[in-house]
């Protein structure tokens, strides 16, 4: 008889044949896919947000505006680029925080 397995991400009990937990954890790769289910805004909105954030990042050293960081972080979070956890923009916002 096969034993049930507990998800290491959320603790939910899964059958031994499960490939993925309901929380998005992939058993085969041992990674969570919960970011892939995040809301992706309209393409018009996303490109505008991305251009605004890119401009902010490009000119931050020349003209830092830390008071706008929360606004730019929100714009960044609305773009699908956030699905890439290796994107250096995450590091930028972590450093200025």
C-alpha atoms as a PDB file:
ATOM      1  CA  UNK A   1       0.000   0.000   0.000  1.00  0.00           C
ATOM      2  CA  UNK A   2       1.369   3.449  -0.972  1.00  0.00           C
ATOM      3  CA  UNK A   3       1.678   6.137   1.622  1.00  0.00           C
ATOM      4  CA  UNK A   4       0.206   9.583   1.208  1.00  0.00           C
ATOM      5  CA  UNK A   5       2.722  12.399   0.885  1.00  0.00           C
ATOM      6  CA  UNK A   6       2.682  15.755   2.558  1.00  0.00           C
ATOM      7  CA  UNK A   7       3.524  18.857   0.521  1.00  0.00           C
ATOM      8  CA  UNK A   8       6.743  20.457   1.846  1.00  0.00           C
ATOM      9  CA  UNK A   9       5.444  23.888   0.811  1.00  0.00           C
ATOM     10  CA  UNK A  10       1.974  23.974   2.420  1.00  0.00           C
ATOM     11  CA  UNK A  11       1.613  20.675   4.301  1.00  0.00           C
ATOM     12  CA  UNK A  12      -1.420  19.490   2.293  1.00  0.00           C
ATOM     13  CA  UNK A  13      -1.737  15.689   2.029  1.00  0.00           C
ATOM     14  CA  UNK A  14      -1.495  14.435  -1.556  1.00  0.00           C
ATOM     15  CA  UNK A  15      -1.819  11.002  -3.176  1.00  0.00           C
ATOM     16  CA  UNK A  16       1.502   9.362  -4.088  1.00  0.00           C
ATOM     17  CA  UNK A  17       0.707   9.762  -7.804  1.00  0.00           C
ATOM     18  CA  UNK A  18       0.282  13.557  -7.599  1.00  0.00           C
ATOM     19  CA  UNK A  19       2.589  15.608  -9.782  1.00  0.00           C
ATOM     20  CA  UNK A  20       1.549  18.942  -8.322  1.00  0.00           C
ATOM     21  CA  UNK A  21      -0.031  20.092  -5.067  1.00  0.00           C
ATOM     22  CA  UNK A  22      -3.078  22.377  -5.099  1.00  0.00           C
ATOM     23  CA  UNK A  23      -0.844  25.173  -3.739  1.00  0.00           C
ATOM     24  CA  UNK A  24       1.252  25.034  -6.933  1.00  0.00           C
ATOM     25  CA  UNK A  25       4.223  23.077  -5.602  1.00  0.00           C
ATOM     26  CA  UNK A  26       5.753  20.783  -8.253  1.00  0.00           C
ATOM     27  CA  UNK A  27       6.940  17.536  -6.674  1.00  0.00           C
ATOM     28  CA  UNK A  28       9.214  16.552  -9.580  1.00  0.00           C
ATOM     29  CA  UNK A  29      11.149  19.838  -9.666  1.00  0.00           C
ATOM     30  CA  UNK A  30      10.655  20.671  -5.987  1.00  0.00           C
ATOM     31  CA  UNK A  31       9.589  24.228  -6.830  1.00  0.00           C
ATOM     32  CA  UNK A  32       6.474  26.299  -6.276  1.00  0.00           C
ATOM     33  CA  UNK A  33       4.597  27.691  -9.260  1.00  0.00           C
ATOM     34  CA  UNK A  34       2.327  30.020  -7.318  1.00  0.00           C
ATOM     35  CA  UNK A  35       3.753  33.091  -9.089  1.00  0.00           C
ATOM     36  CA  UNK A  36       2.613  31.730 -12.445  1.00  0.00           C
ATOM     37  CA  UNK A  37      -0.975  32.095 -11.338  1.00  0.00           C
ATOM     38  CA  UNK A  38      -0.557  35.778 -10.452  1.00  0.00           C
ATOM     39  CA  UNK A  39      -2.772  38.338 -12.176  1.00  0.00           C
ATOM     40  CA  UNK A  40      -1.286  39.611 -15.426  1.00  0.00           C
ATOM     41  CA  UNK A  41      -2.609  43.057 -16.370  1.00  0.00           C
ATOM     42  CA  UNK A  42      -3.688  44.241 -19.830  1.00  0.00           C
ATOM     43  CA  UNK A  43      -0.834  44.435 -22.328  1.00  0.00           C
ATOM     44  CA  UNK A  44      -1.411  48.193 -22.761  1.00  0.00           C
ATOM     45  CA  UNK A  45      -1.080  48.753 -19.009  1.00  0.00           C
ATOM     46  CA  UNK A  46       1.884  46.391 -18.653  1.00  0.00           C
ATOM     47  CA  UNK A  47       3.979  48.062 -21.357  1.00  0.00           C
ATOM     48  CA  UNK A  48       3.294  51.500 -19.900  1.00  0.00           C
ATOM     49  CA  UNK A  49       4.240  50.332 -16.429  1.00  0.00           C
ATOM     50  CA  UNK A  50       7.355  48.597 -17.689  1.00  0.00           C
ATOM     51  CA  UNK A  51       8.532  51.670 -19.618  1.00  0.00           C
ATOM     52  CA  UNK A  52       7.969  53.873 -16.565  1.00  0.00           C
ATOM     53  CA  UNK A  53       9.880  51.493 -14.305  1.00  0.00           C
ATOM     54  CA  UNK A  54      12.697  51.116 -16.848  1.00  0.00           C
ATOM     55  CA  UNK A  55      13.067  54.876 -17.076  1.00  0.00           C
ATOM     56  CA  UNK A  56      13.126  55.161 -13.274  1.00  0.00           C
ATOM     57  CA  UNK A  57      15.814  52.473 -13.016  1.00  0.00           C
ATOM     58  CA  UNK A  58      17.896  53.933 -15.847  1.00  0.00           C
ATOM     59  CA  UNK A  59      18.035  57.379 -14.229  1.00  0.00           C
ATOM     60  CA  UNK A  60      18.122  56.404 -10.549  1.00  0.00           C
ATOM     61  CA  UNK A  61      21.860  57.022 -10.085  1.00  0.00           C
ATOM     62  CA  UNK A  62      21.735  60.366 -11.905  1.00  0.00           C
ATOM     63  CA  UNK A  63      18.637  61.576 -10.107  1.00  0.00           C
ATOM     64  CA  UNK A  64      17.553  59.335  -7.222  1.00  0.00           C
ATOM     65  CA  UNK A  65      13.960  59.749  -6.213  1.00  0.00           C
ATOM     66  CA  UNK A  66      13.528  57.332  -3.304  1.00  0.00           C
ATOM     67  CA  UNK A  67      10.135  58.861  -2.508  1.00  0.00           C
ATOM     68  CA  UNK A  68       8.858  57.322  -5.773  1.00  0.00           C
ATOM     69  CA  UNK A  69      10.188  53.818  -4.988  1.00  0.00           C
ATOM     70  CA  UNK A  70       6.837  52.540  -3.686  1.00  0.00           C
ATOM     71  CA  UNK A  71       5.054  53.817  -6.811  1.00  0.00           C
ATOM     72  CA  UNK A  72       7.639  52.216  -9.095  1.00  0.00           C
ATOM     73  CA  UNK A  73       7.557  48.940  -7.156  1.00  0.00           C
ATOM     74  CA  UNK A  74       3.783  48.787  -7.594  1.00  0.00           C
ATOM     75  CA  UNK A  75       4.155  49.431 -11.337  1.00  0.00           C
ATOM     76  CA  UNK A  76       6.831  46.728 -11.545  1.00  0.00           C
ATOM     77  CA  UNK A  77       4.605  44.238  -9.722  1.00  0.00           C
ATOM     78  CA  UNK A  78       1.893  44.732 -12.361  1.00  0.00           C
ATOM     79  CA  UNK A  79       4.201  43.609 -15.164  1.00  0.00           C
ATOM     80  CA  UNK A  80       4.715  39.967 -16.188  1.00  0.00           C
ATOM     81  CA  UNK A  81       8.465  40.470 -15.724  1.00  0.00           C
ATOM     82  CA  UNK A  82       7.836  39.787 -12.025  1.00  0.00           C
ATOM     83  CA  UNK A  83       7.331  36.115 -12.891  1.00  0.00           C
ATOM     84  CA  UNK A  84      11.090  35.901 -13.452  1.00  0.00           C
ATOM     85  CA  UNK A  85      12.535  35.699  -9.943  1.00  0.00           C
ATOM     86  CA  UNK A  86      16.032  36.077 -11.418  1.00  0.00           C
ATOM     87  CA  UNK A  87      15.246  39.500 -12.890  1.00  0.00           C
ATOM     88  CA  UNK A  88      17.685  42.058 -11.438  1.00  0.00           C
ATOM     89  CA  UNK A  89      14.873  44.531 -10.791  1.00  0.00           C
ATOM     90  CA  UNK A  90      13.984  42.476  -7.684  1.00  0.00           C
ATOM     91  CA  UNK A  91      17.516  43.100  -6.397  1.00  0.00           C
ATOM     92  CA  UNK A  92      17.258  46.839  -7.118  1.00  0.00           C
ATOM     93  CA  UNK A  93      14.080  47.232  -5.064  1.00  0.00           C
ATOM     94  CA  UNK A  94      15.509  45.081  -2.254  1.00  0.00           C
ATOM     95  CA  UNK A  95      18.627  47.280  -2.095  1.00  0.00           C
ATOM     96  CA  UNK A  96      16.788  50.593  -1.975  1.00  0.00           C
ATOM     97  CA  UNK A  97      14.343  49.270   0.601  1.00  0.00           C
END
